[in-house]
Amino acid sequence: MGYLITYDLRREGLGIYLKRIAVATPAEGIGRRALRLLVSHAFAELRPDLVWLGVHHNNERAQRAYKAVGFTNADISSFDRTAADPFVGPALEGDMVMQIRSNL
C-alpha cells in the first residue's frame, strides 16, 4: 500500500522528521490515514515536541493533506532546518517546513 520513512531526532532536539511518504494509489486517503497514525503514535509513544517535514512549495496537494492532519507552516525564524542536515541530508531547494506540535 505504501510506506513512511521517519527519523528520530529527539536527541538532537528536533523531534520526529518525516522524510518520505509514498502510497501505491494516491487520492484514496491512504496517505492521510497513515500520516494520522504516525502522528498519533509519535506523540503517544515517543513524546517528541514536534513532528515535521519538508514539502515543495508547489506541491499544494501534499500541503492540503498535511494541513488536514493538523500540520502548519513552520516559522522559519524559530525552526532551523539546517540543524537536521547532518542527520537527514540537506533540504531540497524550494522546500518549506511544515510541523505539528505536541499538545503536552
N, C-alpha and C. Protein backbone atom coordinates (compact mmCIF):
# COMPACT_ATOMS: atom_id res chain seq x y z
N MET A 1 0.81 -1.20 0.00
CA MET A 1 0.00 0.00 0.00
C MET A 1 0.85 1.26 0.00
N GLY A 2 1.98 1.21 0.71
CA GLY A 2 2.84 2.37 0.77
C GLY A 2 3.82 2.28 1.92
N TYR A 3 4.50 3.37 2.17
CA TYR A 3 5.47 3.39 3.27
C TYR A 3 5.74 4.81 3.72
N LEU A 4 6.29 4.90 4.93
CA LEU A 4 6.76 6.16 5.52
C LEU A 4 8.21 5.96 5.91
N ILE A 5 9.02 6.98 5.73
CA ILE A 5 10.39 6.98 6.24
C ILE A 5 10.49 8.13 7.24
N THR A 6 10.86 7.79 8.46
CA THR A 6 10.99 8.81 9.50
C THR A 6 12.36 8.72 10.15
N TYR A 7 12.75 9.82 10.77
CA TYR A 7 14.00 9.88 11.54
C TYR A 7 13.65 10.35 12.95
N ASP A 8 14.19 9.66 13.93
CA ASP A 8 14.02 10.05 15.32
C ASP A 8 15.15 11.01 15.67
N LEU A 9 14.83 12.28 15.75
CA LEU A 9 15.82 13.32 16.05
C LEU A 9 15.58 13.95 17.41
N ARG A 10 14.90 13.23 18.29
CA ARG A 10 14.61 13.77 19.63
C ARG A 10 15.89 14.10 20.38
N ARG A 11 16.88 13.28 20.28
CA ARG A 11 18.14 13.51 21.00
C ARG A 11 18.76 14.85 20.59
N GLU A 12 18.57 15.23 19.35
CA GLU A 12 19.12 16.49 18.84
C GLU A 12 18.17 17.67 19.08
N GLY A 13 17.02 17.40 19.70
CA GLY A 13 16.04 18.45 19.96
C GLY A 13 15.21 18.80 18.73
N LEU A 14 15.15 17.86 17.77
CA LEU A 14 14.46 18.14 16.50
C LEU A 14 13.26 17.22 16.27
N GLY A 15 12.75 16.60 17.31
CA GLY A 15 11.54 15.81 17.20
C GLY A 15 11.65 14.62 16.26
N ILE A 16 10.55 14.36 15.58
CA ILE A 16 10.46 13.28 14.60
C ILE A 16 10.33 13.92 13.22
N TYR A 17 11.20 13.52 12.30
CA TYR A 17 11.21 14.06 10.95
C TYR A 17 10.64 13.03 9.98
N LEU A 18 9.66 13.43 9.21
CA LEU A 18 9.10 12.58 8.16
C LEU A 18 9.82 12.89 6.86
N LYS A 19 10.64 11.97 6.43
CA LYS A 19 11.43 12.17 5.21
C LYS A 19 10.60 11.90 3.96
N ARG A 20 9.79 10.83 4.01
CA ARG A 20 9.04 10.47 2.80
C ARG A 20 7.78 9.71 3.17
N ILE A 21 6.74 9.98 2.40
CA ILE A 21 5.52 9.21 2.46
C ILE A 21 5.16 8.87 1.03
N ALA A 22 4.91 7.61 0.78
CA ALA A 22 4.57 7.16 -0.57
C ALA A 22 3.44 6.15 -0.48
N VAL A 23 2.49 6.28 -1.37
CA VAL A 23 1.38 5.33 -1.43
C VAL A 23 1.22 4.83 -2.86
N ALA A 24 0.75 3.60 -2.98
CA ALA A 24 0.59 2.99 -4.30
C ALA A 24 -0.53 3.65 -5.09
N THR A 25 -1.60 4.02 -4.40
CA THR A 25 -2.74 4.64 -5.09
C THR A 25 -3.11 5.95 -4.42
N PRO A 26 -2.56 7.06 -4.93
CA PRO A 26 -2.88 8.36 -4.36
C PRO A 26 -4.36 8.70 -4.49
N ALA A 27 -4.80 9.66 -3.71
CA ALA A 27 -6.15 10.21 -3.75
C ALA A 27 -7.21 9.25 -3.20
N GLU A 28 -6.78 8.25 -2.42
CA GLU A 28 -7.74 7.34 -1.80
C GLU A 28 -7.75 7.48 -0.28
N GLY A 29 -6.97 8.43 0.25
CA GLY A 29 -6.94 8.68 1.69
C GLY A 29 -5.98 7.80 2.47
N ILE A 30 -5.27 6.91 1.79
CA ILE A 30 -4.34 6.01 2.47
C ILE A 30 -3.21 6.80 3.12
N GLY A 31 -2.63 7.72 2.39
CA GLY A 31 -1.53 8.52 2.92
C GLY A 31 -1.95 9.35 4.11
N ARG A 32 -3.13 9.92 4.05
CA ARG A 32 -3.63 10.74 5.16
C ARG A 32 -3.85 9.89 6.41
N ARG A 33 -4.42 8.70 6.20
CA ARG A 33 -4.62 7.79 7.34
C ARG A 33 -3.28 7.36 7.94
N ALA A 34 -2.33 7.05 7.08
CA ALA A 34 -1.00 6.65 7.56
C ALA A 34 -0.34 7.80 8.32
N LEU A 35 -0.49 9.00 7.81
CA LEU A 35 0.09 10.17 8.47
C LEU A 35 -0.55 10.39 9.84
N ARG A 36 -1.88 10.24 9.92
CA ARG A 36 -2.55 10.39 11.22
C ARG A 36 -2.05 9.34 12.21
N LEU A 37 -1.87 8.10 11.74
CA LEU A 37 -1.37 7.04 12.62
C LEU A 37 0.06 7.35 13.08
N LEU A 38 0.87 7.84 12.17
CA LEU A 38 2.25 8.20 12.53
C LEU A 38 2.25 9.27 13.61
N VAL A 39 1.50 10.33 13.41
CA VAL A 39 1.46 11.44 14.36
C VAL A 39 0.93 10.95 15.71
N SER A 40 -0.13 10.16 15.68
CA SER A 40 -0.72 9.64 16.91
C SER A 40 0.29 8.76 17.66
N HIS A 41 0.94 7.87 16.95
CA HIS A 41 1.95 7.00 17.57
C HIS A 41 3.12 7.83 18.12
N ALA A 42 3.59 8.78 17.33
CA ALA A 42 4.73 9.59 17.76
C ALA A 42 4.43 10.31 19.07
N PHE A 43 3.30 10.99 19.14
CA PHE A 43 3.00 11.77 20.33
C PHE A 43 2.62 10.90 21.53
N ALA A 44 1.95 9.78 21.30
CA ALA A 44 1.55 8.91 22.40
C ALA A 44 2.70 8.07 22.94
N GLU A 45 3.55 7.58 22.05
CA GLU A 45 4.59 6.64 22.47
C GLU A 45 5.98 7.27 22.57
N LEU A 46 6.34 8.11 21.62
CA LEU A 46 7.70 8.67 21.57
C LEU A 46 7.81 10.01 22.27
N ARG A 47 6.71 10.73 22.34
CA ARG A 47 6.61 12.02 23.02
C ARG A 47 7.59 13.10 22.56
N PRO A 48 7.70 13.33 21.25
CA PRO A 48 8.54 14.43 20.79
C PRO A 48 7.80 15.76 20.97
N ASP A 49 8.52 16.85 20.87
CA ASP A 49 7.88 18.17 20.88
C ASP A 49 7.13 18.42 19.59
N LEU A 50 7.65 17.86 18.49
CA LEU A 50 7.02 18.08 17.21
C LEU A 50 7.33 16.96 16.23
N VAL A 51 6.48 16.85 15.22
CA VAL A 51 6.71 16.03 14.04
C VAL A 51 6.75 17.03 12.89
N TRP A 52 7.72 16.89 12.01
CA TRP A 52 7.88 17.88 10.94
C TRP A 52 8.34 17.22 9.66
N LEU A 53 8.24 18.00 8.58
CA LEU A 53 8.59 17.50 7.25
C LEU A 53 8.91 18.67 6.34
N GLY A 54 9.51 18.36 5.22
CA GLY A 54 9.73 19.34 4.17
C GLY A 54 8.82 19.00 3.00
N VAL A 55 8.25 20.01 2.41
CA VAL A 55 7.37 19.80 1.25
C VAL A 55 7.66 20.91 0.25
N HIS A 56 7.67 20.55 -1.02
CA HIS A 56 7.95 21.56 -2.05
C HIS A 56 6.84 22.60 -2.06
N HIS A 57 7.21 23.85 -2.19
CA HIS A 57 6.21 24.92 -2.10
C HIS A 57 5.15 24.84 -3.19
N ASN A 58 5.43 24.15 -4.29
CA ASN A 58 4.44 24.00 -5.37
C ASN A 58 3.55 22.77 -5.20
N ASN A 59 3.82 21.93 -4.23
CA ASN A 59 3.06 20.70 -4.04
C ASN A 59 1.83 20.98 -3.16
N GLU A 60 0.85 21.63 -3.75
CA GLU A 60 -0.33 22.05 -3.00
C GLU A 60 -1.16 20.86 -2.52
N ARG A 61 -1.19 19.80 -3.29
CA ARG A 61 -1.95 18.61 -2.90
C ARG A 61 -1.41 18.03 -1.58
N ALA A 62 -0.09 17.88 -1.51
CA ALA A 62 0.52 17.37 -0.28
C ALA A 62 0.30 18.34 0.87
N GLN A 63 0.44 19.62 0.62
CA GLN A 63 0.23 20.60 1.68
C GLN A 63 -1.19 20.52 2.24
N ARG A 64 -2.18 20.33 1.36
CA ARG A 64 -3.57 20.19 1.83
C ARG A 64 -3.71 18.95 2.71
N ALA A 65 -3.08 17.85 2.31
CA ALA A 65 -3.15 16.62 3.10
C ALA A 65 -2.51 16.82 4.46
N TYR A 66 -1.35 17.46 4.50
CA TYR A 66 -0.67 17.70 5.77
C TYR A 66 -1.50 18.62 6.66
N LYS A 67 -2.07 19.66 6.08
CA LYS A 67 -2.91 20.59 6.86
C LYS A 67 -4.14 19.89 7.40
N ALA A 68 -4.71 18.96 6.64
CA ALA A 68 -5.90 18.22 7.10
C ALA A 68 -5.60 17.39 8.33
N VAL A 69 -4.35 16.98 8.49
CA VAL A 69 -3.93 16.19 9.65
C VAL A 69 -3.55 17.10 10.82
N GLY A 70 -3.33 18.39 10.57
CA GLY A 70 -3.00 19.33 11.63
C GLY A 70 -1.66 20.02 11.50
N PHE A 71 -0.92 19.72 10.44
CA PHE A 71 0.36 20.39 10.21
C PHE A 71 0.13 21.84 9.84
N THR A 72 1.07 22.69 10.25
CA THR A 72 1.05 24.10 9.88
C THR A 72 2.42 24.47 9.32
N ASN A 73 2.48 25.58 8.63
CA ASN A 73 3.77 26.07 8.13
C ASN A 73 4.61 26.49 9.34
N ALA A 74 5.86 26.06 9.34
CA ALA A 74 6.75 26.40 10.44
C ALA A 74 7.26 27.82 10.28
N ASP A 75 7.38 28.49 11.40
CA ASP A 75 8.00 29.81 11.43
C ASP A 75 9.51 29.57 11.35
N ILE A 76 10.08 29.86 10.19
CA ILE A 76 11.48 29.55 9.95
C ILE A 76 12.41 30.23 10.95
N SER A 77 12.02 31.39 11.45
CA SER A 77 12.88 32.07 12.42
C SER A 77 13.00 31.26 13.72
N SER A 78 11.99 30.44 14.04
CA SER A 78 12.05 29.64 15.26
C SER A 78 12.40 28.17 14.98
N PHE A 79 12.67 27.86 13.73
CA PHE A 79 12.98 26.47 13.37
C PHE A 79 14.12 26.47 12.36
N ASP A 80 15.27 25.97 12.77
CA ASP A 80 16.43 25.96 11.90
C ASP A 80 16.52 24.60 11.20
N ARG A 81 16.02 24.52 10.00
CA ARG A 81 16.01 23.27 9.23
C ARG A 81 17.42 22.74 9.00
N THR A 82 18.39 23.63 8.86
CA THR A 82 19.75 23.19 8.56
C THR A 82 20.37 22.39 9.71
N ALA A 83 19.84 22.52 10.92
CA ALA A 83 20.36 21.73 12.05
C ALA A 83 20.15 20.24 11.83
N ALA A 84 19.17 19.87 11.02
CA ALA A 84 18.89 18.46 10.75
C ALA A 84 19.72 17.91 9.59
N ASP A 85 20.35 18.77 8.81
CA ASP A 85 21.08 18.33 7.62
C ASP A 85 22.07 17.19 7.87
N PRO A 86 22.87 17.22 8.95
CA PRO A 86 23.83 16.12 9.15
C PRO A 86 23.15 14.76 9.35
N PHE A 87 21.90 14.77 9.76
CA PHE A 87 21.20 13.53 10.07
C PHE A 87 20.32 13.04 8.93
N VAL A 88 19.71 13.96 8.18
CA VAL A 88 18.73 13.57 7.17
C VAL A 88 19.07 14.06 5.77
N GLY A 89 20.17 14.80 5.64
CA GLY A 89 20.54 15.35 4.34
C GLY A 89 19.96 16.75 4.18
N PRO A 90 20.52 17.51 3.24
CA PRO A 90 20.05 18.89 3.06
C PRO A 90 18.65 18.95 2.46
N ALA A 91 17.96 20.02 2.78
CA ALA A 91 16.63 20.25 2.20
C ALA A 91 16.77 20.52 0.72
N LEU A 92 15.75 20.14 -0.01
CA LEU A 92 15.74 20.44 -1.44
C LEU A 92 15.39 21.91 -1.63
N GLU A 93 15.95 22.51 -2.66
CA GLU A 93 15.64 23.90 -2.95
C GLU A 93 14.14 24.01 -3.24
N GLY A 94 13.50 24.97 -2.64
CA GLY A 94 12.06 25.16 -2.83
C GLY A 94 11.22 24.45 -1.80
N ASP A 95 11.86 23.74 -0.87
CA ASP A 95 11.10 23.08 0.20
C ASP A 95 10.70 24.08 1.27
N MET A 96 9.55 23.85 1.84
CA MET A 96 9.13 24.60 3.01
C MET A 96 8.94 23.59 4.14
N VAL A 97 9.00 24.04 5.36
CA VAL A 97 8.87 23.17 6.52
C VAL A 97 7.45 23.29 7.06
N MET A 98 6.85 22.11 7.31
CA MET A 98 5.55 22.06 7.97
C MET A 98 5.74 21.23 9.23
N GLN A 99 4.97 21.55 10.27
CA GLN A 99 5.14 20.87 11.54
C GLN A 99 3.80 20.73 12.24
N ILE A 100 3.78 19.78 13.15
CA ILE A 100 2.66 19.64 14.09
C ILE A 100 3.30 19.48 15.45
N ARG A 101 2.86 20.28 16.40
CA ARG A 101 3.44 20.27 17.74
C ARG A 101 2.57 19.49 18.71
N SER A 102 3.23 18.94 19.71
CA SER A 102 2.55 18.19 20.76
C SER A 102 1.64 19.12 21.57
N ASN A 103 0.55 18.58 22.04
CA ASN A 103 -0.36 19.34 22.91
C ASN A 103 0.06 19.27 24.36
N LEU A 104 1.08 18.46 24.66
CA LEU A 104 1.51 18.26 26.05
C LEU A 104 2.32 19.42 26.56
